[in-house]
N, C-alpha and C. Protein backbone atom coordinates (compact mmCIF):
# COMPACT_ATOMS: atom_id res chain seq x y z
N MET A 1 2.61 4.77 -22.67
CA MET A 1 3.98 4.88 -22.21
C MET A 1 4.73 3.63 -22.62
N ASP A 2 5.94 3.81 -23.07
CA ASP A 2 6.77 2.68 -23.45
C ASP A 2 7.43 2.09 -22.21
N SER A 3 7.63 0.80 -22.22
CA SER A 3 8.30 0.10 -21.13
C SER A 3 9.22 -0.96 -21.73
N ALA A 4 10.24 -1.29 -20.97
CA ALA A 4 11.14 -2.38 -21.37
C ALA A 4 11.13 -3.43 -20.26
N PHE A 5 11.07 -4.69 -20.66
CA PHE A 5 11.01 -5.79 -19.71
C PHE A 5 12.16 -6.75 -19.98
N LEU A 6 12.64 -7.36 -18.92
CA LEU A 6 13.63 -8.42 -19.02
C LEU A 6 12.88 -9.72 -18.77
N ARG A 7 12.97 -10.62 -19.73
CA ARG A 7 12.25 -11.89 -19.64
C ARG A 7 13.25 -13.01 -19.40
N LEU A 8 13.08 -13.73 -18.31
CA LEU A 8 13.88 -14.90 -18.02
C LEU A 8 13.04 -16.11 -18.43
N ALA A 9 13.57 -16.89 -19.36
CA ALA A 9 12.79 -18.00 -19.91
C ALA A 9 13.64 -19.25 -20.01
N SER A 10 12.97 -20.38 -19.88
CA SER A 10 13.66 -21.64 -20.17
C SER A 10 13.36 -21.96 -21.64
N VAL A 11 14.33 -22.53 -22.29
CA VAL A 11 14.20 -22.84 -23.71
C VAL A 11 14.30 -24.34 -23.88
N GLU A 12 13.37 -24.88 -24.66
CA GLU A 12 13.38 -26.31 -24.94
C GLU A 12 13.28 -26.49 -26.46
N VAL A 13 14.21 -27.24 -27.00
CA VAL A 13 14.22 -27.49 -28.44
C VAL A 13 13.72 -28.92 -28.65
N LYS A 14 12.69 -29.04 -29.48
CA LYS A 14 12.09 -30.35 -29.76
C LYS A 14 12.07 -30.58 -31.27
N PRO A 15 12.18 -31.84 -31.64
CA PRO A 15 12.03 -32.12 -33.08
C PRO A 15 10.60 -31.79 -33.52
N ALA A 16 10.50 -31.26 -34.72
CA ALA A 16 9.18 -30.92 -35.26
C ALA A 16 8.57 -32.15 -35.92
N ALA A 17 7.24 -32.13 -36.06
CA ALA A 17 6.54 -33.26 -36.68
C ALA A 17 7.01 -33.46 -38.11
N GLN A 18 7.27 -32.35 -38.79
CA GLN A 18 7.78 -32.47 -40.15
C GLN A 18 9.29 -32.35 -40.09
N ALA A 19 9.91 -31.55 -40.87
CA ALA A 19 11.37 -31.41 -40.86
C ALA A 19 11.77 -30.29 -39.89
N GLY A 20 12.95 -30.37 -39.34
CA GLY A 20 13.49 -29.31 -38.50
C GLY A 20 13.20 -29.52 -37.02
N PHE A 21 13.08 -28.41 -36.32
CA PHE A 21 12.85 -28.48 -34.89
C PHE A 21 11.93 -27.34 -34.47
N ARG A 22 11.46 -27.42 -33.26
CA ARG A 22 10.54 -26.44 -32.69
C ARG A 22 11.14 -25.93 -31.38
N VAL A 23 11.13 -24.64 -31.16
CA VAL A 23 11.66 -24.04 -29.93
C VAL A 23 10.49 -23.61 -29.06
N LEU A 24 10.49 -24.07 -27.80
CA LEU A 24 9.45 -23.70 -26.84
C LEU A 24 10.07 -22.83 -25.75
N TYR A 25 9.45 -21.69 -25.51
CA TYR A 25 9.92 -20.78 -24.46
C TYR A 25 8.90 -20.81 -23.32
N THR A 26 9.38 -20.95 -22.11
CA THR A 26 8.53 -20.86 -20.93
C THR A 26 9.05 -19.72 -20.07
N THR A 27 8.23 -18.69 -19.89
CA THR A 27 8.65 -17.53 -19.10
C THR A 27 8.73 -17.92 -17.64
N MET A 28 9.89 -17.68 -17.04
CA MET A 28 10.11 -17.97 -15.63
C MET A 28 9.92 -16.72 -14.78
N ASP A 29 10.32 -15.56 -15.33
CA ASP A 29 10.21 -14.30 -14.61
C ASP A 29 10.15 -13.18 -15.62
N LEU A 30 9.42 -12.14 -15.28
CA LEU A 30 9.30 -10.97 -16.14
C LEU A 30 9.49 -9.76 -15.25
N GLU A 31 10.50 -8.95 -15.56
CA GLU A 31 10.82 -7.80 -14.72
C GLU A 31 10.84 -6.55 -15.55
N GLN A 32 10.13 -5.54 -15.08
CA GLN A 32 10.16 -4.25 -15.75
C GLN A 32 11.48 -3.58 -15.41
N ILE A 33 12.25 -3.23 -16.44
CA ILE A 33 13.55 -2.61 -16.18
C ILE A 33 13.59 -1.14 -16.58
N TRP A 34 12.64 -0.71 -17.41
CA TRP A 34 12.55 0.70 -17.75
C TRP A 34 11.11 1.05 -18.05
N PRO A 35 10.57 2.12 -17.57
CA PRO A 35 11.18 2.91 -16.52
C PRO A 35 11.21 2.12 -15.21
N SER A 36 12.13 2.46 -14.35
CA SER A 36 12.22 1.72 -13.09
C SER A 36 10.97 2.00 -12.27
N LYS A 37 10.57 1.00 -11.50
CA LYS A 37 9.38 1.15 -10.66
C LYS A 37 9.65 2.19 -9.58
N THR A 38 8.70 3.04 -9.36
CA THR A 38 8.79 4.01 -8.29
C THR A 38 7.98 3.50 -7.12
N PRO A 39 8.60 3.37 -5.95
CA PRO A 39 7.83 2.89 -4.80
C PRO A 39 6.69 3.82 -4.46
N ARG A 40 5.66 3.25 -3.91
CA ARG A 40 4.48 4.02 -3.48
C ARG A 40 4.86 4.95 -2.33
N GLU A 41 4.09 6.01 -2.18
CA GLU A 41 4.27 6.93 -1.06
C GLU A 41 2.91 7.34 -0.54
N LEU A 42 2.85 7.62 0.74
CA LEU A 42 1.63 8.16 1.33
C LEU A 42 1.71 9.68 1.32
N ASP A 43 0.56 10.31 1.37
CA ASP A 43 0.45 11.76 1.36
C ASP A 43 1.20 12.37 2.55
N GLN A 44 1.69 13.57 2.37
CA GLN A 44 2.45 14.28 3.40
C GLN A 44 1.63 14.57 4.66
N GLU A 45 0.32 14.51 4.55
CA GLU A 45 -0.54 14.75 5.72
C GLU A 45 -0.50 13.58 6.70
N THR A 46 0.05 12.46 6.27
CA THR A 46 0.14 11.26 7.10
C THR A 46 1.28 11.43 8.08
N PRO A 47 1.11 11.01 9.34
CA PRO A 47 2.21 11.11 10.30
C PRO A 47 3.48 10.45 9.77
N GLU A 48 4.61 11.06 10.10
CA GLU A 48 5.90 10.67 9.53
C GLU A 48 6.24 9.19 9.73
N VAL A 49 6.07 8.66 10.93
CA VAL A 49 6.45 7.27 11.17
C VAL A 49 5.62 6.32 10.31
N ILE A 50 4.37 6.64 10.09
CA ILE A 50 3.51 5.81 9.23
C ILE A 50 4.01 5.86 7.80
N ARG A 51 4.36 7.06 7.33
CA ARG A 51 4.90 7.21 5.97
C ARG A 51 6.20 6.43 5.81
N GLU A 52 7.06 6.47 6.83
CA GLU A 52 8.34 5.77 6.75
C GLU A 52 8.16 4.25 6.67
N VAL A 53 7.30 3.71 7.51
CA VAL A 53 7.08 2.25 7.50
C VAL A 53 6.45 1.84 6.17
N PHE A 54 5.48 2.61 5.71
CA PHE A 54 4.84 2.32 4.42
C PHE A 54 5.87 2.38 3.29
N ALA A 55 6.75 3.39 3.33
CA ALA A 55 7.77 3.55 2.28
C ALA A 55 8.70 2.34 2.23
N GLU A 56 9.05 1.79 3.39
CA GLU A 56 9.91 0.60 3.41
C GLU A 56 9.18 -0.60 2.81
N ALA A 57 7.90 -0.74 3.14
CA ALA A 57 7.12 -1.83 2.55
C ALA A 57 7.00 -1.64 1.04
N ALA A 58 6.82 -0.40 0.61
CA ALA A 58 6.71 -0.11 -0.82
C ALA A 58 8.01 -0.42 -1.55
N LEU A 59 9.14 -0.16 -0.91
CA LEU A 59 10.43 -0.52 -1.52
C LEU A 59 10.53 -2.03 -1.71
N ALA A 60 10.10 -2.78 -0.71
CA ALA A 60 10.11 -4.24 -0.84
C ALA A 60 9.19 -4.68 -1.97
N GLU A 61 8.02 -4.06 -2.05
CA GLU A 61 7.07 -4.40 -3.13
C GLU A 61 7.68 -4.10 -4.49
N ALA A 62 8.28 -2.93 -4.64
CA ALA A 62 8.88 -2.54 -5.92
C ALA A 62 10.02 -3.47 -6.32
N ALA A 63 10.69 -4.05 -5.32
CA ALA A 63 11.79 -4.98 -5.59
C ALA A 63 11.30 -6.40 -5.82
N GLY A 64 10.00 -6.62 -5.69
CA GLY A 64 9.45 -7.95 -5.89
C GLY A 64 9.55 -8.83 -4.65
N ALA A 65 9.86 -8.26 -3.51
CA ALA A 65 9.95 -9.01 -2.24
C ALA A 65 8.57 -8.93 -1.57
N TYR A 66 7.65 -9.73 -2.08
CA TYR A 66 6.25 -9.60 -1.68
C TYR A 66 5.98 -10.07 -0.25
N ARG A 67 6.72 -11.05 0.24
CA ARG A 67 6.55 -11.45 1.65
C ARG A 67 6.92 -10.27 2.55
N LEU A 68 8.07 -9.67 2.29
CA LEU A 68 8.50 -8.54 3.10
C LEU A 68 7.54 -7.36 2.96
N ALA A 69 7.04 -7.14 1.77
CA ALA A 69 6.08 -6.06 1.58
C ALA A 69 4.82 -6.31 2.40
N GLY A 70 4.34 -7.55 2.40
CA GLY A 70 3.17 -7.89 3.20
C GLY A 70 3.40 -7.64 4.68
N ILE A 71 4.57 -8.01 5.16
CA ILE A 71 4.91 -7.77 6.56
C ILE A 71 5.00 -6.27 6.82
N GLY A 72 5.59 -5.55 5.89
CA GLY A 72 5.71 -4.10 6.05
C GLY A 72 4.38 -3.38 6.02
N TYR A 73 3.48 -3.82 5.16
CA TYR A 73 2.16 -3.17 5.13
C TYR A 73 1.38 -3.49 6.41
N ARG A 74 1.57 -4.67 6.96
CA ARG A 74 0.96 -5.00 8.25
C ARG A 74 1.52 -4.07 9.32
N ALA A 75 2.84 -3.85 9.29
CA ALA A 75 3.47 -2.95 10.26
C ALA A 75 2.94 -1.52 10.11
N THR A 76 2.62 -1.14 8.88
CA THR A 76 2.03 0.18 8.65
C THR A 76 0.70 0.29 9.37
N VAL A 77 -0.12 -0.74 9.24
CA VAL A 77 -1.42 -0.76 9.93
C VAL A 77 -1.20 -0.68 11.44
N GLU A 78 -0.21 -1.40 11.93
CA GLU A 78 0.09 -1.37 13.36
C GLU A 78 0.42 0.06 13.81
N GLN A 79 1.18 0.79 13.01
CA GLN A 79 1.51 2.17 13.35
C GLN A 79 0.29 3.08 13.30
N ILE A 80 -0.60 2.83 12.34
CA ILE A 80 -1.81 3.65 12.24
C ILE A 80 -2.69 3.45 13.46
N VAL A 81 -2.93 2.20 13.85
CA VAL A 81 -3.83 1.98 15.00
C VAL A 81 -3.20 2.52 16.28
N LYS A 82 -1.87 2.45 16.37
CA LYS A 82 -1.18 3.02 17.53
C LYS A 82 -1.37 4.54 17.55
N GLU A 83 -1.15 5.17 16.40
CA GLU A 83 -1.27 6.63 16.31
C GLU A 83 -2.70 7.08 16.60
N ARG A 84 -3.68 6.29 16.18
CA ARG A 84 -5.09 6.65 16.38
C ARG A 84 -5.53 6.41 17.82
N GLY A 85 -4.72 5.71 18.60
CA GLY A 85 -5.05 5.48 20.01
C GLY A 85 -5.98 4.31 20.25
N ALA A 86 -6.04 3.38 19.29
CA ALA A 86 -6.91 2.21 19.47
C ALA A 86 -6.34 1.32 20.56
N GLU A 87 -7.24 0.76 21.36
CA GLU A 87 -6.81 -0.08 22.47
C GLU A 87 -7.13 -1.54 22.20
N GLY A 88 -6.37 -2.40 22.87
CA GLY A 88 -6.57 -3.84 22.75
C GLY A 88 -5.29 -4.56 23.09
N ASN A 89 -5.42 -5.87 23.32
CA ASN A 89 -4.27 -6.68 23.71
C ASN A 89 -3.45 -7.15 22.52
N ASN A 90 -4.00 -7.07 21.32
CA ASN A 90 -3.30 -7.51 20.13
C ASN A 90 -3.78 -6.68 18.95
N LEU A 91 -3.17 -6.89 17.81
CA LEU A 91 -3.51 -6.07 16.65
C LEU A 91 -4.96 -6.28 16.22
N TYR A 92 -5.44 -7.50 16.30
CA TYR A 92 -6.84 -7.75 15.95
C TYR A 92 -7.77 -6.85 16.76
N GLU A 93 -7.58 -6.83 18.08
CA GLU A 93 -8.44 -6.03 18.95
C GLU A 93 -8.27 -4.54 18.69
N ARG A 94 -7.04 -4.11 18.44
CA ARG A 94 -6.82 -2.68 18.18
C ARG A 94 -7.46 -2.25 16.86
N ILE A 95 -7.35 -3.10 15.84
CA ILE A 95 -8.00 -2.76 14.56
C ILE A 95 -9.51 -2.70 14.76
N THR A 96 -10.06 -3.70 15.41
CA THR A 96 -11.51 -3.73 15.65
C THR A 96 -11.93 -2.52 16.50
N GLY A 97 -11.06 -2.11 17.42
CA GLY A 97 -11.34 -0.97 18.28
C GLY A 97 -11.39 0.36 17.55
N LEU A 98 -10.88 0.40 16.33
CA LEU A 98 -10.96 1.63 15.55
C LEU A 98 -12.41 2.06 15.30
N LYS A 99 -13.32 1.08 15.30
CA LYS A 99 -14.74 1.41 15.09
C LYS A 99 -15.23 2.38 16.16
N THR A 100 -14.79 2.16 17.40
CA THR A 100 -15.24 3.05 18.49
C THR A 100 -14.61 4.43 18.36
N LEU A 101 -13.58 4.56 17.54
CA LEU A 101 -12.93 5.86 17.32
C LEU A 101 -13.41 6.52 16.03
N GLY A 102 -14.46 5.95 15.43
CA GLY A 102 -15.07 6.57 14.26
C GLY A 102 -14.65 6.02 12.91
N ALA A 103 -13.79 5.02 12.88
CA ALA A 103 -13.39 4.44 11.60
C ALA A 103 -14.53 3.62 11.02
N SER A 104 -14.65 3.63 9.72
CA SER A 104 -15.72 2.88 9.06
C SER A 104 -15.42 1.39 9.07
N GLU A 105 -16.46 0.62 8.82
CA GLU A 105 -16.31 -0.84 8.71
C GLU A 105 -15.36 -1.20 7.57
N GLU A 106 -15.38 -0.40 6.48
CA GLU A 106 -14.51 -0.67 5.34
C GLU A 106 -13.04 -0.53 5.72
N ILE A 107 -12.73 0.48 6.52
CA ILE A 107 -11.34 0.67 6.95
C ILE A 107 -10.92 -0.47 7.87
N VAL A 108 -11.78 -0.84 8.79
CA VAL A 108 -11.48 -1.94 9.71
C VAL A 108 -11.25 -3.23 8.91
N ASP A 109 -12.12 -3.51 7.95
CA ASP A 109 -11.96 -4.72 7.13
C ASP A 109 -10.66 -4.67 6.32
N ALA A 110 -10.33 -3.51 5.78
CA ALA A 110 -9.09 -3.37 5.00
C ALA A 110 -7.88 -3.63 5.89
N PHE A 111 -7.91 -3.10 7.09
CA PHE A 111 -6.78 -3.30 8.00
C PHE A 111 -6.67 -4.77 8.43
N HIS A 112 -7.80 -5.43 8.60
CA HIS A 112 -7.73 -6.86 8.91
C HIS A 112 -7.13 -7.64 7.74
N GLU A 113 -7.45 -7.25 6.51
CA GLU A 113 -6.85 -7.90 5.33
C GLU A 113 -5.34 -7.74 5.35
N ALA A 114 -4.87 -6.53 5.65
CA ALA A 114 -3.43 -6.30 5.73
C ALA A 114 -2.81 -7.13 6.85
N ARG A 115 -3.52 -7.26 7.95
CA ARG A 115 -3.03 -8.08 9.07
C ARG A 115 -2.90 -9.53 8.64
N PHE A 116 -3.92 -10.05 7.95
CA PHE A 116 -3.87 -11.44 7.47
C PHE A 116 -2.66 -11.67 6.58
N VAL A 117 -2.47 -10.78 5.62
CA VAL A 117 -1.38 -10.93 4.66
C VAL A 117 -0.03 -10.89 5.37
N GLY A 118 0.15 -9.94 6.26
CA GLY A 118 1.40 -9.84 7.01
C GLY A 118 1.65 -11.04 7.89
N ASN A 119 0.61 -11.51 8.56
CA ASN A 119 0.75 -12.70 9.41
C ASN A 119 1.09 -13.93 8.58
N ASP A 120 0.40 -14.10 7.46
CA ASP A 120 0.67 -15.25 6.58
C ASP A 120 2.11 -15.23 6.09
N ALA A 121 2.59 -14.04 5.72
CA ALA A 121 3.96 -13.92 5.22
C ALA A 121 4.97 -14.21 6.33
N ALA A 122 4.71 -13.67 7.52
CA ALA A 122 5.67 -13.81 8.62
C ALA A 122 5.66 -15.22 9.22
N HIS A 123 4.49 -15.78 9.40
CA HIS A 123 4.39 -17.04 10.14
C HIS A 123 4.36 -18.29 9.27
N ASP A 124 3.87 -18.14 8.05
CA ASP A 124 3.73 -19.31 7.17
C ASP A 124 4.56 -19.19 5.89
N ALA A 125 5.33 -18.12 5.77
CA ALA A 125 6.14 -17.86 4.57
C ALA A 125 5.31 -17.88 3.29
N LEU A 126 4.05 -17.48 3.42
CA LEU A 126 3.16 -17.44 2.26
C LEU A 126 3.49 -16.20 1.44
N ALA A 127 3.69 -16.39 0.16
CA ALA A 127 3.96 -15.28 -0.76
C ALA A 127 2.71 -14.98 -1.56
N TYR A 128 2.19 -13.80 -1.39
CA TYR A 128 1.05 -13.36 -2.18
C TYR A 128 1.55 -12.81 -3.50
N SER A 129 0.67 -12.71 -4.47
CA SER A 129 1.05 -12.21 -5.79
C SER A 129 1.26 -10.70 -5.75
N ALA A 130 1.87 -10.19 -6.80
CA ALA A 130 2.09 -8.75 -6.92
C ALA A 130 0.78 -7.99 -6.87
N GLU A 131 -0.25 -8.53 -7.51
CA GLU A 131 -1.54 -7.86 -7.54
C GLU A 131 -2.18 -7.85 -6.15
N GLU A 132 -2.03 -8.93 -5.41
CA GLU A 132 -2.61 -9.00 -4.06
C GLU A 132 -1.92 -8.03 -3.12
N ILE A 133 -0.60 -7.93 -3.22
CA ILE A 133 0.15 -6.98 -2.39
C ILE A 133 -0.21 -5.55 -2.78
N ALA A 134 -0.32 -5.30 -4.08
CA ALA A 134 -0.70 -3.96 -4.55
C ALA A 134 -2.08 -3.58 -4.01
N ASP A 135 -2.99 -4.55 -3.95
CA ASP A 135 -4.32 -4.29 -3.42
C ASP A 135 -4.25 -3.88 -1.95
N ILE A 136 -3.42 -4.57 -1.18
CA ILE A 136 -3.26 -4.22 0.24
C ILE A 136 -2.72 -2.80 0.37
N ALA A 137 -1.73 -2.46 -0.44
CA ALA A 137 -1.15 -1.11 -0.40
C ALA A 137 -2.22 -0.07 -0.74
N GLU A 138 -3.05 -0.36 -1.72
CA GLU A 138 -4.11 0.58 -2.09
C GLU A 138 -5.17 0.69 -1.00
N LEU A 139 -5.49 -0.42 -0.33
CA LEU A 139 -6.44 -0.36 0.78
C LEU A 139 -5.91 0.56 1.88
N ILE A 140 -4.63 0.45 2.18
CA ILE A 140 -4.03 1.30 3.20
C ILE A 140 -4.03 2.75 2.73
N ASN A 141 -3.69 2.97 1.48
CA ASN A 141 -3.68 4.33 0.93
C ASN A 141 -5.06 4.97 1.01
N GLU A 142 -6.10 4.21 0.70
CA GLU A 142 -7.47 4.72 0.77
C GLU A 142 -7.86 5.04 2.21
N ALA A 143 -7.45 4.19 3.15
CA ALA A 143 -7.74 4.44 4.56
C ALA A 143 -7.03 5.70 5.05
N VAL A 144 -5.79 5.88 4.63
CA VAL A 144 -5.02 7.07 5.00
C VAL A 144 -5.68 8.31 4.44
N LEU A 145 -6.22 8.22 3.25
CA LEU A 145 -6.94 9.35 2.66
C LEU A 145 -8.09 9.78 3.57
N VAL A 146 -8.86 8.80 4.06
CA VAL A 146 -10.01 9.09 4.91
C VAL A 146 -9.58 9.55 6.31
N LEU A 147 -8.57 8.89 6.86
CA LEU A 147 -8.18 9.16 8.25
C LEU A 147 -7.32 10.41 8.43
N TYR A 148 -6.50 10.75 7.42
CA TYR A 148 -5.56 11.85 7.59
C TYR A 148 -5.68 12.95 6.54
N VAL A 149 -5.74 12.57 5.28
CA VAL A 149 -5.66 13.56 4.21
C VAL A 149 -6.93 14.41 4.14
N GLN A 150 -8.09 13.79 4.05
CA GLN A 150 -9.33 14.56 3.94
C GLN A 150 -9.57 15.46 5.16
N PRO A 151 -9.36 14.97 6.39
CA PRO A 151 -9.52 15.89 7.53
C PRO A 151 -8.56 17.08 7.48
N ALA A 152 -7.32 16.86 7.04
CA ALA A 152 -6.37 17.96 6.92
C ALA A 152 -6.81 18.95 5.84
N GLN A 153 -7.32 18.43 4.73
CA GLN A 153 -7.80 19.30 3.66
C GLN A 153 -9.00 20.12 4.14
N ARG A 154 -9.90 19.48 4.86
CA ARG A 154 -11.07 20.20 5.39
C ARG A 154 -10.65 21.28 6.38
N ALA A 155 -9.70 20.96 7.25
CA ALA A 155 -9.22 21.94 8.23
C ALA A 155 -8.57 23.13 7.52
N LYS A 156 -7.81 22.86 6.48
CA LYS A 156 -7.16 23.92 5.72
C LYS A 156 -8.19 24.83 5.06
N MET A 157 -9.21 24.23 4.45
CA MET A 157 -10.26 25.02 3.79
C MET A 157 -11.05 25.84 4.82
N SER A 158 -11.31 25.24 5.96
CA SER A 158 -12.02 25.94 7.02
C SER A 158 -11.22 27.15 7.50
N ALA A 159 -9.91 26.96 7.67
CA ALA A 159 -9.05 28.06 8.10
C ALA A 159 -9.01 29.16 7.04
N GLN A 160 -9.00 28.78 5.77
CA GLN A 160 -9.01 29.78 4.71
C GLN A 160 -10.31 30.59 4.72
N ARG A 161 -11.43 29.90 4.92
CA ARG A 161 -12.72 30.61 4.99
C ARG A 161 -12.76 31.55 6.19
N ALA A 162 -12.25 31.07 7.32
CA ALA A 162 -12.23 31.91 8.53
C ALA A 162 -11.36 33.14 8.31
N ALA A 163 -10.21 32.96 7.66
CA ALA A 163 -9.33 34.09 7.38
C ALA A 163 -10.00 35.09 6.44
N ARG A 164 -10.72 34.56 5.44
CA ARG A 164 -11.42 35.43 4.50
C ARG A 164 -12.51 36.24 5.24
N ARG A 165 -13.25 35.57 6.12
CA ARG A 165 -14.30 36.26 6.89
C ARG A 165 -13.67 37.36 7.75
N THR A 166 -12.59 37.02 8.44
CA THR A 166 -11.93 37.99 9.32
C THR A 166 -11.41 39.17 8.52
N ALA A 167 -10.76 38.88 7.40
CA ALA A 167 -10.22 39.96 6.56
C ALA A 167 -11.33 40.86 6.04
N THR A 168 -12.45 40.28 5.65
CA THR A 168 -13.57 41.06 5.13
C THR A 168 -14.16 41.96 6.22
N LYS A 169 -14.32 41.41 7.41
CA LYS A 169 -14.91 42.19 8.51
C LYS A 169 -13.97 43.31 8.96
N GLN A 170 -12.68 43.07 8.91
CA GLN A 170 -11.73 44.11 9.30
C GLN A 170 -11.64 45.22 8.25
N ALA A 171 -11.90 44.87 7.00
CA ALA A 171 -11.83 45.85 5.91
C ALA A 171 -13.05 46.75 5.88
N GLN A 172 -14.17 46.31 6.47
CA GLN A 172 -15.39 47.12 6.44
C GLN A 172 -15.28 48.25 7.47
N PRO A 173 -15.78 49.46 7.10
CA PRO A 173 -15.70 50.63 8.03
C PRO A 173 -16.65 50.52 9.18
């Protein structure tokens, strides 16, 4: 796929060792301008409020506002643990409490990573890289797949099988 980037660079002109001069470019920023970045989205099987919070964080990420994206992805985790009914006095305890509700250690660890990033951004103004924020978004997306999407897909397939069984039994004389 073709892409177009806007490069912001500082230019320094220096005399060359022999005759003439030498131009040095230092890239300060590189922004993809075409095609425009499409913010991430969670699957429709995810509860609406979780999708909305995630979408706002994804907009911040797509705009290069990585601190805000980190805070938004942390808020997404907060909505997930609330929706799942995890208990605790703070987000750490609620995330850890997901284990008692059947969440895997990998999901708990991923949510703690998102919590760290969001806390660092909010409290210490730490800016993580685009790749680090993208990783957090993918960790959340993978957890949503396990917590919401796959169970919904299984329920749908089970209902289809049940309907097929019922239809077959009703069709028999």
